[in-house]
């Protein structure tokens, strides 16, 4: 049982970190308006989180991830 939990933590910790960071960046953008570069970085961080989450769950292949990333 603990090996399954540790495997899930290993698989999903980086995508979760990317998504939490992107959500925090969206929150910062709402509180204090930022420039376009910050907004683009926020969108890219969100996209990276979604792509790594899909790859970690096995929904997209590594070839598709290479093409999209």
C-alpha atoms as a PDB file:
ATOM      1  CA  UNK A   1       0.000   0.000   0.000  1.00  0.00           C
ATOM      2  CA  UNK A   2       2.732   2.491   0.858  1.00  0.00           C
ATOM      3  CA  UNK A   3       4.541   1.726  -2.387  1.00  0.00           C
ATOM      4  CA  UNK A   4       1.433   2.718  -4.325  1.00  0.00           C
ATOM      5  CA  UNK A   5       1.185   6.000  -2.438  1.00  0.00           C
ATOM      6  CA  UNK A   6       4.851   6.784  -2.958  1.00  0.00           C
ATOM      7  CA  UNK A   7       4.515   5.961  -6.656  1.00  0.00           C
ATOM      8  CA  UNK A   8       1.568   8.346  -6.972  1.00  0.00           C
ATOM      9  CA  UNK A   9       3.490  11.064  -5.157  1.00  0.00           C
ATOM     10  CA  UNK A  10       6.473  10.578  -7.474  1.00  0.00           C
ATOM     11  CA  UNK A  11       4.310  10.625 -10.590  1.00  0.00           C
ATOM     12  CA  UNK A  12       2.124  13.596  -9.774  1.00  0.00           C
ATOM     13  CA  UNK A  13       4.262  15.880  -7.592  1.00  0.00           C
ATOM     14  CA  UNK A  14       5.823  17.843 -10.471  1.00  0.00           C
ATOM     15  CA  UNK A  15       2.548  18.365 -12.381  1.00  0.00           C
ATOM     16  CA  UNK A  16       0.853  19.412  -9.157  1.00  0.00           C
ATOM     17  CA  UNK A  17       3.660  21.851  -8.415  1.00  0.00           C
ATOM     18  CA  UNK A  18       3.389  23.374 -11.896  1.00  0.00           C
ATOM     19  CA  UNK A  19      -0.385  23.708 -11.606  1.00  0.00           C
ATOM     20  CA  UNK A  20      -0.239  25.212  -8.107  1.00  0.00           C
ATOM     21  CA  UNK A  21       2.397  27.673  -9.245  1.00  0.00           C
ATOM     22  CA  UNK A  22       0.268  28.657 -12.248  1.00  0.00           C
ATOM     23  CA  UNK A  23      -2.789  29.139 -10.040  1.00  0.00           C
ATOM     24  CA  UNK A  24      -0.722  31.302  -7.705  1.00  0.00           C
ATOM     25  CA  UNK A  25       0.513  33.329 -10.642  1.00  0.00           C
ATOM     26  CA  UNK A  26      -3.085  33.845 -11.816  1.00  0.00           C
ATOM     27  CA  UNK A  27      -3.958  35.028  -8.317  1.00  0.00           C
ATOM     28  CA  UNK A  28      -1.040  37.488  -8.300  1.00  0.00           C
ATOM     29  CA  UNK A  29      -2.141  38.762 -11.706  1.00  0.00           C
ATOM     30  CA  UNK A  30      -5.668  39.403 -10.395  1.00  0.00           C
ATOM     31  CA  UNK A  31      -4.451  41.212  -7.265  1.00  0.00           C
ATOM     32  CA  UNK A  32      -1.901  43.432  -8.983  1.00  0.00           C
ATOM     33  CA  UNK A  33      -2.088  43.813 -12.773  1.00  0.00           C
ATOM     34  CA  UNK A  34       1.065  42.526 -14.440  1.00  0.00           C
ATOM     35  CA  UNK A  35       2.550  43.059 -17.856  1.00  0.00           C
ATOM     36  CA  UNK A  36       2.101  40.813 -20.859  1.00  0.00           C
ATOM     37  CA  UNK A  37       5.282  38.838 -20.222  1.00  0.00           C
ATOM     38  CA  UNK A  38       4.004  37.706 -16.826  1.00  0.00           C
ATOM     39  CA  UNK A  39       0.672  36.643 -18.328  1.00  0.00           C
ATOM     40  CA  UNK A  40       2.425  34.648 -21.060  1.00  0.00           C
ATOM     41  CA  UNK A  41       4.630  32.969 -18.432  1.00  0.00           C
ATOM     42  CA  UNK A  42       1.521  32.111 -16.412  1.00  0.00           C
ATOM     43  CA  UNK A  43      -0.171  30.522 -19.416  1.00  0.00           C
ATOM     44  CA  UNK A  44       2.974  28.569 -20.265  1.00  0.00           C
ATOM     45  CA  UNK A  45       3.254  27.324 -16.670  1.00  0.00           C
ATOM     46  CA  UNK A  46      -0.374  26.192 -16.768  1.00  0.00           C
ATOM     47  CA  UNK A  47       0.200  24.459 -20.105  1.00  0.00           C
ATOM     48  CA  UNK A  48       3.300  22.731 -18.726  1.00  0.00           C
ATOM     49  CA  UNK A  49       1.324  21.511 -15.732  1.00  0.00           C
ATOM     50  CA  UNK A  50      -1.489  20.148 -17.873  1.00  0.00           C
ATOM     51  CA  UNK A  51       0.889  18.451 -20.315  1.00  0.00           C
ATOM     52  CA  UNK A  52       2.947  16.803 -17.575  1.00  0.00           C
ATOM     53  CA  UNK A  53      -0.222  15.714 -15.805  1.00  0.00           C
ATOM     54  CA  UNK A  54      -1.528  14.101 -18.988  1.00  0.00           C
ATOM     55  CA  UNK A  55       1.828  12.454 -19.653  1.00  0.00           C
ATOM     56  CA  UNK A  56       2.143  11.149 -16.095  1.00  0.00           C
ATOM     57  CA  UNK A  57      -1.325   9.634 -16.248  1.00  0.00           C
ATOM     58  CA  UNK A  58      -0.492   7.944 -19.555  1.00  0.00           C
ATOM     59  CA  UNK A  59      -3.041   9.776 -21.675  1.00  0.00           C
ATOM     60  CA  UNK A  60      -0.513  11.161 -24.167  1.00  0.00           C
ATOM     61  CA  UNK A  61       2.570   9.507 -25.590  1.00  0.00           C
ATOM     62  CA  UNK A  62       6.118  10.776 -25.240  1.00  0.00           C
ATOM     63  CA  UNK A  63       6.231  11.565 -28.979  1.00  0.00           C
ATOM     64  CA  UNK A  64       3.159  13.777 -28.721  1.00  0.00           C
ATOM     65  CA  UNK A  65       4.567  15.444 -25.616  1.00  0.00           C
ATOM     66  CA  UNK A  66       7.795  16.185 -27.501  1.00  0.00           C
ATOM     67  CA  UNK A  67       5.841  17.708 -30.378  1.00  0.00           C
ATOM     68  CA  UNK A  68       3.593  19.806 -28.128  1.00  0.00           C
ATOM     69  CA  UNK A  69       6.299  20.772 -25.662  1.00  0.00           C
END
